[in-house]
Every structure is written in structure tokens, then in C-alpha cells.
Amino acid sequence: MPSSTRTVFSLIIINKAGGLIYQREYQAGLRSLSTNDYLVLAGTFHGVHAITRSITPKLPLAQTSPAITSPGGNAPVGFTYPNPGVPASGLEHLETEKFRLTCFQTLTGTKFLLFTDPMTGNVDTIMNKIYELYADYVMKNPFYQLEMPVRCEAFDRHLGAWLRGRT
């Protein structure tokens, strides 16, 4: 089986406050969890994500001119994140022998957690398509209230069809 068509097990969407707003399983493979377990998972991941974002190390600024050196020598004065201009993101990938968890956080703080086979390729492409479908069928739905559970049949139908079509 080519790596680009490996299994997507499950999708979880967490609102910016850490609440579970969407959860679907697409393939058997992961242990079945209760609704309460998914709520705990969402809240726990939200906390871990926030902690990992806050402990992202800052790197010393490279010395570019004598104006930014310390008074006694050549040591840089400031620090910056590894990618200046890009905010620290927190936990993005977690991989085990049995599954890979990938987190995509939107600018509004909504987190998409995708559970896939560890050999699945092009996970960023899958995440982009999921986010595109979410924007098209959930965010453009005039009846959807922000931060509330996602109950949109069109989103479920199109996402399920797209995921089945790529396997």
C-alpha cells in the first residue's frame, strides 16, 4: 500500500477553550473510547499544548551589528523563537508504533487532532483538506454558533467521502 493512502483513524476538533466540539472515527484500529474519555482527552491535550507552547525555547539573536552587543563583549543581547515572526506553536506531532497524532491549530485557537497510521504520508495535505471542508461547511453555515459542538451533516458527508476516496 503506498504511504500516501494509509489509514486515517480519527479526527477530533477542540475549541479555543479546550472543549471537544467534534469527534469521528473513520477506521477501526484505535481502542474505542467513551464520550467522557474523548472529553478528557480534549481537555488534557489542550493543557499539554499550552504548556509545550510556553516552554518553547528562545534562541540567542545572531550578532548582526555592534549596536546589539552587550556592554562588555560580543554576546547577543536578545533572544527570539526559532522562526522569528511565527509564534510558538506547541505540540504538533506525537508518534508511537501504532499511530501518529498530528495537531493543526488555526489562528483562532481551534485545534484539529488527526490520528493516522504512522506510515501515512502527506499528513499536511490531509489536514489542509480537512480545514478547507471545515471552513466551507461549518464556518459558512449560518446556523453554526462559534465554539459550540459541530453538528453539520454536509461536513460529515463530504469529509467521510473524501477520506474514503483517498484510500
N, C-alpha and C. Protein backbone atom coordinates (compact mmCIF):
# COMPACT_ATOMS: atom_id res chain seq x y z
N MET A 1 0.85 -1.18 0.00
CA MET A 1 0.00 0.00 0.00
C MET A 1 0.89 1.23 0.00
N PRO A 2 0.70 2.21 -0.89
CA PRO A 2 1.52 3.41 -0.90
C PRO A 2 1.33 4.21 0.37
N SER A 3 2.38 4.88 0.80
CA SER A 3 2.31 5.62 2.06
C SER A 3 1.32 6.77 2.03
N SER A 4 0.98 7.29 0.86
CA SER A 4 0.07 8.42 0.79
C SER A 4 -1.38 8.01 1.00
N THR A 5 -1.68 6.70 1.02
CA THR A 5 -3.06 6.26 1.18
C THR A 5 -3.26 5.44 2.45
N ARG A 6 -2.42 5.61 3.42
CA ARG A 6 -2.57 4.87 4.67
C ARG A 6 -3.79 5.39 5.45
N THR A 7 -4.09 4.71 6.52
CA THR A 7 -5.32 4.91 7.27
C THR A 7 -5.36 6.19 8.09
N VAL A 8 -6.52 6.85 8.02
CA VAL A 8 -6.86 7.92 8.96
C VAL A 8 -7.82 7.28 9.96
N PHE A 9 -7.42 7.23 11.23
CA PHE A 9 -8.23 6.57 12.24
C PHE A 9 -9.34 7.46 12.77
N SER A 10 -8.99 8.70 13.15
CA SER A 10 -9.95 9.53 13.86
C SER A 10 -9.61 11.00 13.71
N LEU A 11 -10.63 11.85 13.88
CA LEU A 11 -10.45 13.30 13.89
C LEU A 11 -11.15 13.86 15.11
N ILE A 12 -10.45 14.74 15.80
CA ILE A 12 -11.02 15.44 16.96
C ILE A 12 -10.80 16.93 16.72
N ILE A 13 -11.82 17.74 16.99
CA ILE A 13 -11.69 19.19 16.90
C ILE A 13 -11.96 19.75 18.29
N ILE A 14 -11.05 20.61 18.74
CA ILE A 14 -11.13 21.21 20.08
C ILE A 14 -11.25 22.72 19.92
N ASN A 15 -12.20 23.34 20.63
CA ASN A 15 -12.34 24.79 20.54
C ASN A 15 -11.23 25.49 21.31
N LYS A 16 -11.18 26.80 21.23
CA LYS A 16 -10.06 27.53 21.83
C LYS A 16 -10.04 27.47 23.35
N ALA A 17 -11.15 27.06 23.96
CA ALA A 17 -11.20 26.93 25.41
C ALA A 17 -10.84 25.52 25.87
N GLY A 18 -10.61 24.60 24.93
CA GLY A 18 -10.25 23.24 25.28
C GLY A 18 -11.41 22.27 25.29
N GLY A 19 -12.57 22.71 24.82
CA GLY A 19 -13.73 21.83 24.79
C GLY A 19 -13.81 21.03 23.51
N LEU A 20 -14.27 19.81 23.63
CA LEU A 20 -14.45 18.93 22.47
C LEU A 20 -15.68 19.40 21.69
N ILE A 21 -15.47 19.73 20.39
CA ILE A 21 -16.61 20.16 19.58
C ILE A 21 -16.90 19.21 18.43
N TYR A 22 -15.98 18.26 18.17
CA TYR A 22 -16.22 17.30 17.09
C TYR A 22 -15.32 16.10 17.29
N GLN A 23 -15.88 14.91 17.03
CA GLN A 23 -15.09 13.68 17.10
C GLN A 23 -15.73 12.65 16.20
N ARG A 24 -14.92 12.06 15.33
CA ARG A 24 -15.39 10.98 14.46
C ARG A 24 -14.28 9.96 14.29
N GLU A 25 -14.68 8.70 14.23
CA GLU A 25 -13.76 7.62 13.92
C GLU A 25 -14.02 7.21 12.48
N TYR A 26 -12.95 7.03 11.71
CA TYR A 26 -13.09 6.69 10.29
C TYR A 26 -12.64 5.27 9.98
N GLN A 27 -11.85 4.68 10.83
CA GLN A 27 -11.37 3.31 10.64
C GLN A 27 -11.21 2.68 12.01
N ALA A 28 -11.43 1.39 12.07
CA ALA A 28 -11.11 0.67 13.30
C ALA A 28 -9.59 0.61 13.41
N GLY A 29 -9.10 0.44 14.58
CA GLY A 29 -7.65 0.35 14.75
C GLY A 29 -7.22 0.89 16.09
N LEU A 30 -7.82 2.00 16.50
CA LEU A 30 -7.51 2.53 17.82
C LEU A 30 -8.52 1.96 18.81
N ARG A 31 -8.12 1.91 20.06
CA ARG A 31 -9.03 1.44 21.10
C ARG A 31 -10.23 2.35 21.18
N SER A 32 -11.40 1.79 21.33
CA SER A 32 -12.63 2.56 21.41
C SER A 32 -12.69 3.30 22.75
N LEU A 33 -13.07 4.56 22.70
CA LEU A 33 -13.17 5.37 23.90
C LEU A 33 -14.61 5.83 24.10
N SER A 34 -14.98 6.09 25.34
CA SER A 34 -16.31 6.62 25.63
C SER A 34 -16.32 8.12 25.36
N THR A 35 -17.50 8.69 25.34
CA THR A 35 -17.64 10.14 25.14
C THR A 35 -16.89 10.89 26.23
N ASN A 36 -16.99 10.43 27.45
CA ASN A 36 -16.28 11.07 28.56
C ASN A 36 -14.77 11.00 28.35
N ASP A 37 -14.27 9.87 27.85
CA ASP A 37 -12.84 9.75 27.58
C ASP A 37 -12.39 10.77 26.53
N TYR A 38 -13.21 10.99 25.50
CA TYR A 38 -12.86 11.98 24.49
C TYR A 38 -12.87 13.40 25.07
N LEU A 39 -13.81 13.67 25.96
CA LEU A 39 -13.83 14.98 26.62
C LEU A 39 -12.57 15.19 27.45
N VAL A 40 -12.16 14.16 28.19
CA VAL A 40 -10.93 14.24 28.99
C VAL A 40 -9.71 14.39 28.08
N LEU A 41 -9.67 13.63 26.99
CA LEU A 41 -8.57 13.72 26.03
C LEU A 41 -8.44 15.13 25.47
N ALA A 42 -9.57 15.73 25.09
CA ALA A 42 -9.56 17.09 24.53
C ALA A 42 -9.02 18.09 25.55
N GLY A 43 -9.52 18.03 26.77
CA GLY A 43 -9.07 18.97 27.80
C GLY A 43 -7.61 18.77 28.16
N THR A 44 -7.19 17.51 28.24
CA THR A 44 -5.80 17.21 28.57
C THR A 44 -4.86 17.68 27.46
N PHE A 45 -5.23 17.38 26.21
CA PHE A 45 -4.37 17.81 25.11
C PHE A 45 -4.28 19.33 25.06
N HIS A 46 -5.39 20.01 25.31
CA HIS A 46 -5.39 21.48 25.30
C HIS A 46 -4.37 22.01 26.33
N GLY A 47 -4.36 21.41 27.52
CA GLY A 47 -3.41 21.83 28.55
C GLY A 47 -1.97 21.53 28.19
N VAL A 48 -1.73 20.33 27.68
CA VAL A 48 -0.37 19.95 27.27
C VAL A 48 0.11 20.84 26.14
N HIS A 49 -0.77 21.15 25.19
CA HIS A 49 -0.41 22.02 24.08
C HIS A 49 -0.01 23.40 24.59
N ALA A 50 -0.78 23.94 25.53
CA ALA A 50 -0.46 25.25 26.10
C ALA A 50 0.88 25.23 26.83
N ILE A 51 1.14 24.17 27.57
CA ILE A 51 2.41 24.07 28.29
C ILE A 51 3.58 23.98 27.32
N THR A 52 3.46 23.13 26.30
CA THR A 52 4.56 22.99 25.35
C THR A 52 4.78 24.28 24.57
N ARG A 53 3.73 25.03 24.35
CA ARG A 53 3.89 26.32 23.67
C ARG A 53 4.66 27.30 24.56
N SER A 54 4.37 27.26 25.85
CA SER A 54 5.03 28.22 26.76
C SER A 54 6.48 27.85 27.05
N ILE A 55 6.86 26.58 26.86
CA ILE A 55 8.25 26.20 27.14
C ILE A 55 9.10 26.14 25.88
N THR A 56 8.57 26.58 24.74
CA THR A 56 9.37 26.61 23.52
C THR A 56 10.59 27.48 23.78
N PRO A 57 11.78 26.94 23.60
CA PRO A 57 12.98 27.71 23.92
C PRO A 57 13.21 28.85 22.93
N LYS A 58 13.71 29.94 23.47
CA LYS A 58 14.13 31.05 22.62
C LYS A 58 15.62 30.91 22.37
N LEU A 59 16.04 31.24 21.16
CA LEU A 59 17.43 31.14 20.77
C LEU A 59 18.08 32.52 20.82
N PRO A 60 19.38 32.58 21.13
CA PRO A 60 20.06 33.88 21.14
C PRO A 60 20.03 34.50 19.74
N LEU A 61 19.84 35.80 19.71
CA LEU A 61 19.89 36.51 18.43
C LEU A 61 21.31 36.47 17.88
N ALA A 62 21.45 36.31 16.61
CA ALA A 62 22.77 36.36 15.98
C ALA A 62 23.25 37.79 16.00
N GLN A 63 24.53 37.96 16.22
CA GLN A 63 25.09 39.31 16.26
C GLN A 63 25.16 39.85 14.83
N THR A 64 24.40 40.92 14.58
CA THR A 64 24.39 41.50 13.24
C THR A 64 25.10 42.84 13.18
N SER A 65 25.19 43.51 14.30
CA SER A 65 25.89 44.80 14.31
C SER A 65 26.42 45.06 15.71
N PRO A 66 27.40 45.92 15.84
CA PRO A 66 27.95 46.23 17.17
C PRO A 66 26.93 46.86 18.09
N ALA A 67 25.85 47.42 17.55
CA ALA A 67 24.86 48.11 18.37
C ALA A 67 24.09 47.15 19.28
N ILE A 68 24.03 45.87 18.95
CA ILE A 68 23.23 44.98 19.79
C ILE A 68 24.10 44.09 20.69
N THR A 69 25.36 44.39 20.83
CA THR A 69 26.21 43.60 21.71
C THR A 69 26.08 44.11 23.13
N SER A 70 26.39 43.23 24.05
CA SER A 70 26.36 43.64 25.46
C SER A 70 27.52 44.58 25.71
N PRO A 71 27.45 45.41 26.76
CA PRO A 71 28.49 46.41 27.01
C PRO A 71 29.89 45.81 27.19
N GLY A 72 30.00 44.59 27.70
CA GLY A 72 31.31 44.05 27.99
C GLY A 72 31.87 43.11 26.95
N GLY A 73 31.17 42.87 25.86
CA GLY A 73 31.70 41.89 24.92
C GLY A 73 30.84 41.69 23.70
N ASN A 74 30.97 40.48 23.15
CA ASN A 74 30.29 40.18 21.89
C ASN A 74 29.01 39.37 22.07
N ALA A 75 28.56 39.13 23.28
CA ALA A 75 27.37 38.30 23.49
C ALA A 75 26.12 39.04 23.00
N PRO A 76 25.22 38.33 22.36
CA PRO A 76 23.99 38.98 21.90
C PRO A 76 23.13 39.39 23.09
N VAL A 77 22.36 40.44 22.91
CA VAL A 77 21.53 40.98 23.98
C VAL A 77 20.18 40.28 24.04
N GLY A 78 19.57 39.96 22.90
CA GLY A 78 18.21 39.44 22.89
C GLY A 78 18.08 37.99 22.48
N PHE A 79 16.87 37.50 22.61
CA PHE A 79 16.54 36.13 22.23
C PHE A 79 15.29 36.16 21.36
N THR A 80 15.13 35.14 20.55
CA THR A 80 13.95 35.05 19.69
C THR A 80 13.57 33.59 19.51
N TYR A 81 12.34 33.35 19.06
CA TYR A 81 11.91 31.99 18.76
C TYR A 81 12.64 31.50 17.52
N PRO A 82 12.70 30.18 17.31
CA PRO A 82 13.44 29.63 16.16
C PRO A 82 13.02 30.21 14.82
N ASN A 83 11.75 30.52 14.63
CA ASN A 83 11.27 31.15 13.39
C ASN A 83 10.72 32.52 13.74
N PRO A 84 11.54 33.57 13.67
CA PRO A 84 11.06 34.91 14.03
C PRO A 84 9.83 35.28 13.21
N GLY A 85 8.88 35.91 13.86
CA GLY A 85 7.66 36.31 13.18
C GLY A 85 6.58 35.24 13.24
N VAL A 86 6.95 34.01 13.59
CA VAL A 86 5.99 32.93 13.72
C VAL A 86 5.86 32.61 15.21
N PRO A 87 4.65 32.73 15.77
CA PRO A 87 4.51 32.47 17.20
C PRO A 87 4.79 31.01 17.54
N ALA A 88 5.21 30.78 18.79
CA ALA A 88 5.45 29.42 19.24
C ALA A 88 4.15 28.62 19.11
N SER A 89 4.27 27.36 18.67
CA SER A 89 3.06 26.63 18.32
C SER A 89 2.67 25.52 19.30
N GLY A 90 3.56 25.04 20.10
CA GLY A 90 3.22 23.94 20.98
C GLY A 90 3.35 22.59 20.29
N LEU A 91 2.84 21.56 20.93
CA LEU A 91 2.93 20.20 20.44
C LEU A 91 2.23 20.07 19.08
N GLU A 92 2.96 19.58 18.07
CA GLU A 92 2.39 19.43 16.74
C GLU A 92 2.30 17.98 16.30
N HIS A 93 3.21 17.11 16.78
CA HIS A 93 3.23 15.71 16.37
C HIS A 93 3.54 14.84 17.58
N LEU A 94 2.88 13.70 17.64
CA LEU A 94 3.17 12.69 18.65
C LEU A 94 3.08 11.36 17.92
N GLU A 95 4.17 10.60 17.94
CA GLU A 95 4.19 9.36 17.17
C GLU A 95 4.53 8.17 18.06
N THR A 96 3.77 7.09 17.87
CA THR A 96 4.02 5.83 18.54
C THR A 96 4.17 4.76 17.47
N GLU A 97 4.36 3.52 17.90
CA GLU A 97 4.44 2.42 16.93
C GLU A 97 3.11 2.19 16.23
N LYS A 98 2.01 2.51 16.90
CA LYS A 98 0.68 2.18 16.39
C LYS A 98 -0.05 3.33 15.71
N PHE A 99 0.26 4.58 16.08
CA PHE A 99 -0.44 5.71 15.48
C PHE A 99 0.40 6.97 15.56
N ARG A 100 0.01 7.96 14.75
CA ARG A 100 0.61 9.29 14.80
C ARG A 100 -0.51 10.28 15.07
N LEU A 101 -0.29 11.17 16.03
CA LEU A 101 -1.21 12.25 16.33
C LEU A 101 -0.61 13.52 15.76
N THR A 102 -1.37 14.20 14.92
CA THR A 102 -0.92 15.46 14.33
C THR A 102 -1.90 16.54 14.76
N CYS A 103 -1.38 17.66 15.22
CA CYS A 103 -2.21 18.77 15.66
C CYS A 103 -2.01 19.96 14.72
N PHE A 104 -3.11 20.51 14.26
CA PHE A 104 -3.08 21.74 13.47
C PHE A 104 -3.91 22.76 14.24
N GLN A 105 -3.31 23.90 14.59
CA GLN A 105 -4.02 24.94 15.31
C GLN A 105 -4.27 26.11 14.37
N THR A 106 -5.53 26.55 14.31
CA THR A 106 -5.88 27.69 13.47
C THR A 106 -5.49 28.99 14.18
N LEU A 107 -5.57 30.08 13.46
CA LEU A 107 -5.26 31.38 14.06
C LEU A 107 -6.24 31.76 15.16
N THR A 108 -7.45 31.17 15.13
CA THR A 108 -8.45 31.46 16.15
C THR A 108 -8.30 30.58 17.38
N GLY A 109 -7.37 29.61 17.36
CA GLY A 109 -7.14 28.76 18.51
C GLY A 109 -7.83 27.41 18.43
N THR A 110 -8.62 27.16 17.41
CA THR A 110 -9.24 25.85 17.23
C THR A 110 -8.17 24.85 16.85
N LYS A 111 -8.21 23.67 17.47
CA LYS A 111 -7.20 22.64 17.21
C LYS A 111 -7.85 21.44 16.53
N PHE A 112 -7.20 20.95 15.47
CA PHE A 112 -7.62 19.76 14.77
C PHE A 112 -6.61 18.66 15.11
N LEU A 113 -7.08 17.58 15.72
CA LEU A 113 -6.21 16.46 16.06
C LEU A 113 -6.55 15.31 15.12
N LEU A 114 -5.57 14.87 14.37
CA LEU A 114 -5.77 13.80 13.40
C LEU A 114 -4.94 12.60 13.82
N PHE A 115 -5.61 11.46 13.99
CA PHE A 115 -4.94 10.21 14.35
C PHE A 115 -4.82 9.38 13.07
N THR A 116 -3.58 9.05 12.70
CA THR A 116 -3.33 8.30 11.47
C THR A 116 -2.37 7.15 11.74
N ASP A 117 -2.26 6.29 10.75
CA ASP A 117 -1.25 5.24 10.75
C ASP A 117 0.12 5.95 10.73
N PRO A 118 1.12 5.44 11.44
CA PRO A 118 2.44 6.11 11.45
C PRO A 118 3.08 6.21 10.06
N MET A 119 2.69 5.35 9.14
CA MET A 119 3.27 5.36 7.80
C MET A 119 2.53 6.28 6.83
N THR A 120 1.48 6.94 7.30
CA THR A 120 0.71 7.82 6.43
C THR A 120 1.57 8.99 5.98
N GLY A 121 1.60 9.21 4.68
CA GLY A 121 2.33 10.35 4.13
C GLY A 121 1.39 11.50 3.85
N ASN A 122 1.94 12.64 3.56
CA ASN A 122 1.17 13.83 3.18
C ASN A 122 0.12 14.23 4.22
N VAL A 123 0.46 14.12 5.50
CA VAL A 123 -0.50 14.47 6.55
C VAL A 123 -0.86 15.95 6.48
N ASP A 124 0.09 16.80 6.10
CA ASP A 124 -0.22 18.23 5.97
C ASP A 124 -1.27 18.46 4.90
N THR A 125 -1.23 17.71 3.81
CA THR A 125 -2.23 17.83 2.75
C THR A 125 -3.59 17.39 3.28
N ILE A 126 -3.62 16.31 4.05
CA ILE A 126 -4.88 15.84 4.63
C ILE A 126 -5.45 16.90 5.56
N MET A 127 -4.58 17.45 6.42
CA MET A 127 -5.03 18.49 7.36
C MET A 127 -5.58 19.71 6.62
N ASN A 128 -4.89 20.12 5.56
CA ASN A 128 -5.36 21.28 4.79
C ASN A 128 -6.73 21.03 4.20
N LYS A 129 -6.96 19.82 3.69
CA LYS A 129 -8.26 19.49 3.10
C LYS A 129 -9.34 19.45 4.18
N ILE A 130 -9.03 18.89 5.34
CA ILE A 130 -10.00 18.86 6.44
C ILE A 130 -10.36 20.28 6.85
N TYR A 131 -9.36 21.14 6.96
CA TYR A 131 -9.62 22.54 7.33
C TYR A 131 -10.43 23.25 6.25
N GLU A 132 -10.15 22.97 5.00
CA GLU A 132 -10.92 23.56 3.90
C GLU A 132 -12.39 23.14 3.98
N LEU A 133 -12.63 21.85 4.21
CA LEU A 133 -14.01 21.36 4.35
C LEU A 133 -14.70 21.97 5.58
N TYR A 134 -13.95 22.10 6.67
CA TYR A 134 -14.48 22.73 7.89
C TYR A 134 -14.89 24.18 7.60
N ALA A 135 -14.02 24.90 6.91
CA ALA A 135 -14.34 26.30 6.58
C ALA A 135 -15.56 26.38 5.66
N ASP A 136 -15.63 25.49 4.68
CA ASP A 136 -16.72 25.53 3.71
C ASP A 136 -18.07 25.11 4.29
N TYR A 137 -18.08 24.06 5.11
CA TYR A 137 -19.36 23.50 5.55
C TYR A 137 -19.75 23.82 6.98
N VAL A 138 -18.80 24.20 7.81
CA VAL A 138 -19.13 24.54 9.19
C VAL A 138 -19.12 26.05 9.38
N MET A 139 -18.01 26.68 9.06
CA MET A 139 -17.89 28.12 9.33
C MET A 139 -18.80 28.97 8.44
N LYS A 140 -19.15 28.49 7.27
CA LYS A 140 -20.05 29.23 6.38
C LYS A 140 -21.52 28.88 6.62
N ASN A 141 -21.77 27.98 7.56
CA ASN A 141 -23.13 27.59 7.91
C ASN A 141 -23.72 28.68 8.80
N PRO A 142 -24.80 29.34 8.36
CA PRO A 142 -25.35 30.45 9.15
C PRO A 142 -25.94 29.99 10.48
N PHE A 143 -26.19 28.71 10.66
CA PHE A 143 -26.78 28.21 11.89
C PHE A 143 -25.74 27.73 12.90
N TYR A 144 -24.48 27.69 12.49
CA TYR A 144 -23.44 27.24 13.41
C TYR A 144 -23.04 28.39 14.34
N GLN A 145 -22.96 28.07 15.64
CA GLN A 145 -22.51 29.05 16.62
C GLN A 145 -21.07 28.72 16.99
N LEU A 146 -20.21 29.74 16.95
CA LEU A 146 -18.80 29.54 17.27
C LEU A 146 -18.61 28.89 18.63
N GLU A 147 -17.62 28.03 18.72
CA GLU A 147 -17.22 27.35 19.95
C GLU A 147 -18.20 26.28 20.41
N MET A 148 -19.27 26.06 19.67
CA MET A 148 -20.26 25.04 20.03
C MET A 148 -19.97 23.75 19.26
N PRO A 149 -20.53 22.61 19.72
CA PRO A 149 -20.31 21.35 19.01
C PRO A 149 -20.72 21.46 17.54
N VAL A 150 -19.95 20.79 16.69
CA VAL A 150 -20.20 20.80 15.24
C VAL A 150 -21.22 19.71 14.94
N ARG A 151 -22.38 20.14 14.47
CA ARG A 151 -23.42 19.21 14.04
C ARG A 151 -23.85 19.63 12.64
N CYS A 152 -23.02 19.26 11.70
CA CYS A 152 -23.24 19.67 10.32
C CYS A 152 -23.15 18.44 9.42
N GLU A 153 -24.30 17.98 8.94
CA GLU A 153 -24.36 16.77 8.13
C GLU A 153 -23.53 16.89 6.85
N ALA A 154 -23.53 18.08 6.24
CA ALA A 154 -22.77 18.27 4.99
C ALA A 154 -21.27 18.10 5.25
N PHE A 155 -20.78 18.61 6.38
CA PHE A 155 -19.37 18.44 6.73
C PHE A 155 -19.04 16.96 6.92
N ASP A 156 -19.87 16.26 7.70
CA ASP A 156 -19.66 14.83 7.92
C ASP A 156 -19.64 14.06 6.60
N ARG A 157 -20.60 14.34 5.75
CA ARG A 157 -20.74 13.61 4.49
C ARG A 157 -19.56 13.86 3.56
N HIS A 158 -19.19 15.12 3.37
CA HIS A 158 -18.09 15.46 2.47
C HIS A 158 -16.73 14.99 3.01
N LEU A 159 -16.53 15.13 4.30
CA LEU A 159 -15.26 14.68 4.89
C LEU A 159 -15.14 13.16 4.79
N GLY A 160 -16.21 12.46 5.15
CA GLY A 160 -16.19 11.00 5.06
C GLY A 160 -15.95 10.52 3.63
N ALA A 161 -16.61 11.15 2.67
CA ALA A 161 -16.45 10.77 1.27
C ALA A 161 -15.03 11.05 0.80
N TRP A 162 -14.46 12.18 1.18
CA TRP A 162 -13.10 12.50 0.76
C TRP A 162 -12.09 11.53 1.37
N LEU A 163 -12.26 11.20 2.65
CA LEU A 163 -11.33 10.27 3.30
C LEU A 163 -11.47 8.87 2.70
N ARG A 164 -12.69 8.43 2.39
CA ARG A 164 -12.86 7.11 1.75
C ARG A 164 -12.29 7.11 0.35
N GLY A 165 -12.41 8.22 -0.36
CA GLY A 165 -11.93 8.31 -1.73
C GLY A 165 -10.43 8.29 -1.86
N ARG A 166 -9.71 8.61 -0.81
CA ARG A 166 -8.24 8.64 -0.89
C ARG A 166 -7.62 7.33 -0.46
N THR A 167 -8.43 6.36 0.01
CA THR A 167 -7.85 5.06 0.40
C THR A 167 -7.98 4.05 -0.71
